[in-house]
């Protein structure tokens, strides 16, 4: 936990106010000497304080630590409201932040196998063929 007490400096550049999507977007440079990296959760908190927004309205992604450490660069979006964020932010990022739930579905391989089994049957039996063979396995 001593790591979290080390000082972290945030610098934003290429700042753009995107009124169509209801957000401020920017490149964030994080200076973190004597520290491996900074968690996205901590960055969201610091950016929220910096731009006088709620933590739920901030999205951080694409952070890469420079070779040798001490500096990371990524992208941040600060939305005008949580509703606007839910409207425009990709679902997988909303799941990351806990603003949405992950859609549970069968694995990619299982979906392909079901599709190919259904090809062998015609008409209304397609649904039954896919379902019955799943139960056998």
C-alpha atoms as a PDB file:
ATOM      1  CA  UNK A   1       0.000   0.000   0.000  1.00  0.00           C
ATOM      2  CA  UNK A   2       3.002   2.309   0.267  1.00  0.00           C
ATOM      3  CA  UNK A   3       2.847   2.482  -3.534  1.00  0.00           C
ATOM      4  CA  UNK A   4      -0.436   4.427  -3.488  1.00  0.00           C
ATOM      5  CA  UNK A   5       1.139   7.138  -1.334  1.00  0.00           C
ATOM      6  CA  UNK A   6       3.828   7.924  -3.917  1.00  0.00           C
ATOM      7  CA  UNK A   7       3.122  11.178  -5.794  1.00  0.00           C
ATOM      8  CA  UNK A   8       1.516  10.992  -9.232  1.00  0.00           C
ATOM      9  CA  UNK A   9       1.353  13.866 -11.716  1.00  0.00           C
ATOM     10  CA  UNK A  10      -1.315  14.054 -14.421  1.00  0.00           C
ATOM     11  CA  UNK A  11      -0.798  16.157 -17.534  1.00  0.00           C
ATOM     12  CA  UNK A  12      -3.442  16.419 -20.227  1.00  0.00           C
ATOM     13  CA  UNK A  13      -2.804  17.404 -23.828  1.00  0.00           C
ATOM     14  CA  UNK A  14      -4.703  17.408 -27.132  1.00  0.00           C
ATOM     15  CA  UNK A  15      -7.779  18.456 -25.154  1.00  0.00           C
ATOM     16  CA  UNK A  16     -10.980  18.588 -27.228  1.00  0.00           C
ATOM     17  CA  UNK A  17     -14.507  19.492 -26.150  1.00  0.00           C
ATOM     18  CA  UNK A  18     -16.789  17.165 -28.139  1.00  0.00           C
ATOM     19  CA  UNK A  19     -20.270  18.636 -27.746  1.00  0.00           C
ATOM     20  CA  UNK A  20     -21.919  16.153 -30.130  1.00  0.00           C
ATOM     21  CA  UNK A  21     -20.993  13.255 -27.872  1.00  0.00           C
ATOM     22  CA  UNK A  22     -21.288  15.325 -24.687  1.00  0.00           C
ATOM     23  CA  UNK A  23     -17.744  14.853 -23.468  1.00  0.00           C
ATOM     24  CA  UNK A  24     -14.252  16.235 -23.063  1.00  0.00           C
ATOM     25  CA  UNK A  25     -11.577  14.039 -24.612  1.00  0.00           C
ATOM     26  CA  UNK A  26      -7.847  14.194 -24.043  1.00  0.00           C
ATOM     27  CA  UNK A  27      -4.524  12.385 -24.026  1.00  0.00           C
ATOM     28  CA  UNK A  28      -3.280  11.863 -20.461  1.00  0.00           C
ATOM     29  CA  UNK A  29       0.399  11.672 -19.514  1.00  0.00           C
ATOM     30  CA  UNK A  30       0.912  10.163 -16.067  1.00  0.00           C
ATOM     31  CA  UNK A  31       4.256  10.744 -14.351  1.00  0.00           C
ATOM     32  CA  UNK A  32       4.784   8.096 -11.664  1.00  0.00           C
ATOM     33  CA  UNK A  33       8.448   7.890 -10.576  1.00  0.00           C
ATOM     34  CA  UNK A  34       9.295   5.115  -8.074  1.00  0.00           C
ATOM     35  CA  UNK A  35       6.093   3.342  -9.035  1.00  0.00           C
ATOM     36  CA  UNK A  36       5.393   0.564 -11.529  1.00  0.00           C
ATOM     37  CA  UNK A  37       2.122   2.058 -12.771  1.00  0.00           C
ATOM     38  CA  UNK A  38      -1.113   3.699 -11.641  1.00  0.00           C
ATOM     39  CA  UNK A  39      -4.462   1.889 -11.566  1.00  0.00           C
ATOM     40  CA  UNK A  40      -7.183   3.117 -13.927  1.00  0.00           C
ATOM     41  CA  UNK A  41      -9.483   3.423 -10.915  1.00  0.00           C
ATOM     42  CA  UNK A  42      -7.073   5.878  -9.263  1.00  0.00           C
ATOM     43  CA  UNK A  43      -6.690   7.790 -12.547  1.00  0.00           C
ATOM     44  CA  UNK A  44     -10.461   8.081 -12.923  1.00  0.00           C
ATOM     45  CA  UNK A  45     -10.673   9.498  -9.390  1.00  0.00           C
ATOM     46  CA  UNK A  46      -7.912  12.067 -10.027  1.00  0.00           C
ATOM     47  CA  UNK A  47      -9.356  13.119 -13.411  1.00  0.00           C
ATOM     48  CA  UNK A  48     -12.805  13.505 -11.842  1.00  0.00           C
ATOM     49  CA  UNK A  49     -11.354  15.885  -9.248  1.00  0.00           C
ATOM     50  CA  UNK A  50      -9.389  17.741 -11.932  1.00  0.00           C
ATOM     51  CA  UNK A  51     -12.405  18.298 -14.219  1.00  0.00           C
ATOM     52  CA  UNK A  52     -15.001  18.695 -11.425  1.00  0.00           C
ATOM     53  CA  UNK A  53     -16.970  15.632 -12.463  1.00  0.00           C
ATOM     54  CA  UNK A  54     -18.152  12.439 -10.823  1.00  0.00           C
ATOM     55  CA  UNK A  55     -15.957   9.344 -11.054  1.00  0.00           C
ATOM     56  CA  UNK A  56     -18.857   7.583 -12.850  1.00  0.00           C
ATOM     57  CA  UNK A  57     -18.525  10.058 -15.746  1.00  0.00           C
ATOM     58  CA  UNK A  58     -14.829   9.376 -16.467  1.00  0.00           C
ATOM     59  CA  UNK A  59     -13.477   6.721 -18.820  1.00  0.00           C
ATOM     60  CA  UNK A  60      -9.737   5.891 -19.067  1.00  0.00           C
ATOM     61  CA  UNK A  61      -8.245   3.412 -21.503  1.00  0.00           C
ATOM     62  CA  UNK A  62      -5.258   2.581 -23.695  1.00  0.00           C
ATOM     63  CA  UNK A  63      -2.531   3.254 -21.140  1.00  0.00           C
ATOM     64  CA  UNK A  64       0.992   2.169 -22.032  1.00  0.00           C
ATOM     65  CA  UNK A  65       3.990   2.524 -19.735  1.00  0.00           C
ATOM     66  CA  UNK A  66       7.084   3.950 -21.401  1.00  0.00           C
ATOM     67  CA  UNK A  67      10.210   1.817 -21.578  1.00  0.00           C
ATOM     68  CA  UNK A  68      12.156   2.355 -18.384  1.00  0.00           C
ATOM     69  CA  UNK A  69       8.999   3.194 -16.427  1.00  0.00           C
ATOM     70  CA  UNK A  70       8.065   6.399 -14.683  1.00  0.00           C
ATOM     71  CA  UNK A  71       5.667   7.625 -17.386  1.00  0.00           C
ATOM     72  CA  UNK A  72       2.467   6.247 -18.892  1.00  0.00           C
ATOM     73  CA  UNK A  73       0.337   7.676 -21.675  1.00  0.00           C
ATOM     74  CA  UNK A  74      -3.294   6.920 -22.426  1.00  0.00           C
ATOM     75  CA  UNK A  75      -6.645   8.378 -23.375  1.00  0.00           C
ATOM     76  CA  UNK A  76      -9.427   9.770 -21.190  1.00  0.00           C
ATOM     77  CA  UNK A  77     -13.022  10.836 -21.748  1.00  0.00           C
ATOM     78  CA  UNK A  78     -14.952  12.966 -19.247  1.00  0.00           C
ATOM     79  CA  UNK A  79     -18.685  12.832 -19.998  1.00  0.00           C
ATOM     80  CA  UNK A  80     -21.190  15.551 -19.106  1.00  0.00           C
ATOM     81  CA  UNK A  81     -23.433  13.042 -17.285  1.00  0.00           C
ATOM     82  CA  UNK A  82     -23.616   9.351 -16.462  1.00  0.00           C
ATOM     83  CA  UNK A  83     -26.591   8.931 -18.842  1.00  0.00           C
ATOM     84  CA  UNK A  84     -24.579  10.316 -21.769  1.00  0.00           C
ATOM     85  CA  UNK A  85     -21.742   7.968 -20.863  1.00  0.00           C
ATOM     86  CA  UNK A  86     -24.076   4.956 -20.893  1.00  0.00           C
ATOM     87  CA  UNK A  87     -25.398   6.063 -24.281  1.00  0.00           C
ATOM     88  CA  UNK A  88     -22.095   6.532 -26.129  1.00  0.00           C
ATOM     89  CA  UNK A  89     -19.471   4.422 -24.317  1.00  0.00           C
ATOM     90  CA  UNK A  90     -18.857   0.889 -25.681  1.00  0.00           C
ATOM     91  CA  UNK A  91     -20.555  -1.834 -23.642  1.00  0.00           C
ATOM     92  CA  UNK A  92     -17.322  -3.653 -22.727  1.00  0.00           C
ATOM     93  CA  UNK A  93     -15.941  -0.493 -21.104  1.00  0.00           C
ATOM     94  CA  UNK A  94     -19.185   0.040 -19.175  1.00  0.00           C
ATOM     95  CA  UNK A  95     -18.819  -3.528 -17.892  1.00  0.00           C
ATOM     96  CA  UNK A  96     -15.235  -2.713 -16.786  1.00  0.00           C
ATOM     97  CA  UNK A  97     -16.453   0.263 -14.748  1.00  0.00           C
ATOM     98  CA  UNK A  98     -19.396  -1.632 -13.261  1.00  0.00           C
ATOM     99  CA  UNK A  99     -22.007   0.492 -15.077  1.00  0.00           C
ATOM    100  CA  UNK A 100     -23.398  -2.509 -17.004  1.00  0.00           C
ATOM    101  CA  UNK A 101     -23.530  -6.287 -16.686  1.00  0.00           C
ATOM    102  CA  UNK A 102     -21.732  -8.694 -18.983  1.00  0.00           C
ATOM    103  CA  UNK A 103     -23.904 -10.618 -21.422  1.00  0.00           C
ATOM    104  CA  UNK A 104     -23.319 -14.326 -20.801  1.00  0.00           C
ATOM    105  CA  UNK A 105     -23.325 -16.452 -23.931  1.00  0.00           C
ATOM    106  CA  UNK A 106     -21.935 -19.792 -25.092  1.00  0.00           C
ATOM    107  CA  UNK A 107     -18.320 -19.937 -26.165  1.00  0.00           C
ATOM    108  CA  UNK A 108     -17.437 -19.067 -29.745  1.00  0.00           C
ATOM    109  CA  UNK A 109     -16.618 -22.686 -30.543  1.00  0.00           C
ATOM    110  CA  UNK A 110     -19.968 -23.905 -29.160  1.00  0.00           C
ATOM    111  CA  UNK A 111     -21.863 -21.300 -31.200  1.00  0.00           C
ATOM    112  CA  UNK A 112     -20.083 -22.416 -34.396  1.00  0.00           C
ATOM    113  CA  UNK A 113     -20.767 -26.100 -33.679  1.00  0.00           C
ATOM    114  CA  UNK A 114     -24.468 -25.365 -33.094  1.00  0.00           C
ATOM    115  CA  UNK A 115     -24.629 -23.422 -36.378  1.00  0.00           C
ATOM    116  CA  UNK A 116     -23.018 -26.267 -38.310  1.00  0.00           C
ATOM    117  CA  UNK A 117     -25.300 -28.921 -36.735  1.00  0.00           C
ATOM    118  CA  UNK A 118     -28.339 -26.861 -37.707  1.00  0.00           C
ATOM    119  CA  UNK A 119     -27.134 -26.851 -41.338  1.00  0.00           C
ATOM    120  CA  UNK A 120     -27.757 -30.590 -41.632  1.00  0.00           C
ATOM    121  CA  UNK A 121     -31.497 -30.259 -40.882  1.00  0.00           C
ATOM    122  CA  UNK A 122     -34.260 -28.412 -42.767  1.00  0.00           C
ATOM    123  CA  UNK A 123     -37.219 -26.338 -41.596  1.00  0.00           C
ATOM    124  CA  UNK A 124     -38.474 -26.099 -38.035  1.00  0.00           C
ATOM    125  CA  UNK A 125     -36.303 -29.030 -36.940  1.00  0.00           C
ATOM    126  CA  UNK A 126     -33.255 -26.709 -36.953  1.00  0.00           C
ATOM    127  CA  UNK A 127     -33.938 -25.361 -33.461  1.00  0.00           C
ATOM    128  CA  UNK A 128     -34.622 -28.852 -32.107  1.00  0.00           C
ATOM    129  CA  UNK A 129     -31.463 -30.305 -33.668  1.00  0.00           C
ATOM    130  CA  UNK A 130     -29.237 -27.662 -32.121  1.00  0.00           C
ATOM    131  CA  UNK A 131     -30.900 -27.967 -28.707  1.00  0.00           C
ATOM    132  CA  UNK A 132     -31.083 -31.783 -28.533  1.00  0.00           C
ATOM    133  CA  UNK A 133     -27.460 -32.366 -29.492  1.00  0.00           C
ATOM    134  CA  UNK A 134     -26.349 -29.853 -26.853  1.00  0.00           C
ATOM    135  CA  UNK A 135     -28.052 -31.960 -24.201  1.00  0.00           C
ATOM    136  CA  UNK A 136     -26.352 -35.180 -25.375  1.00  0.00           C
ATOM    137  CA  UNK A 137     -22.873 -33.732 -24.729  1.00  0.00           C
END
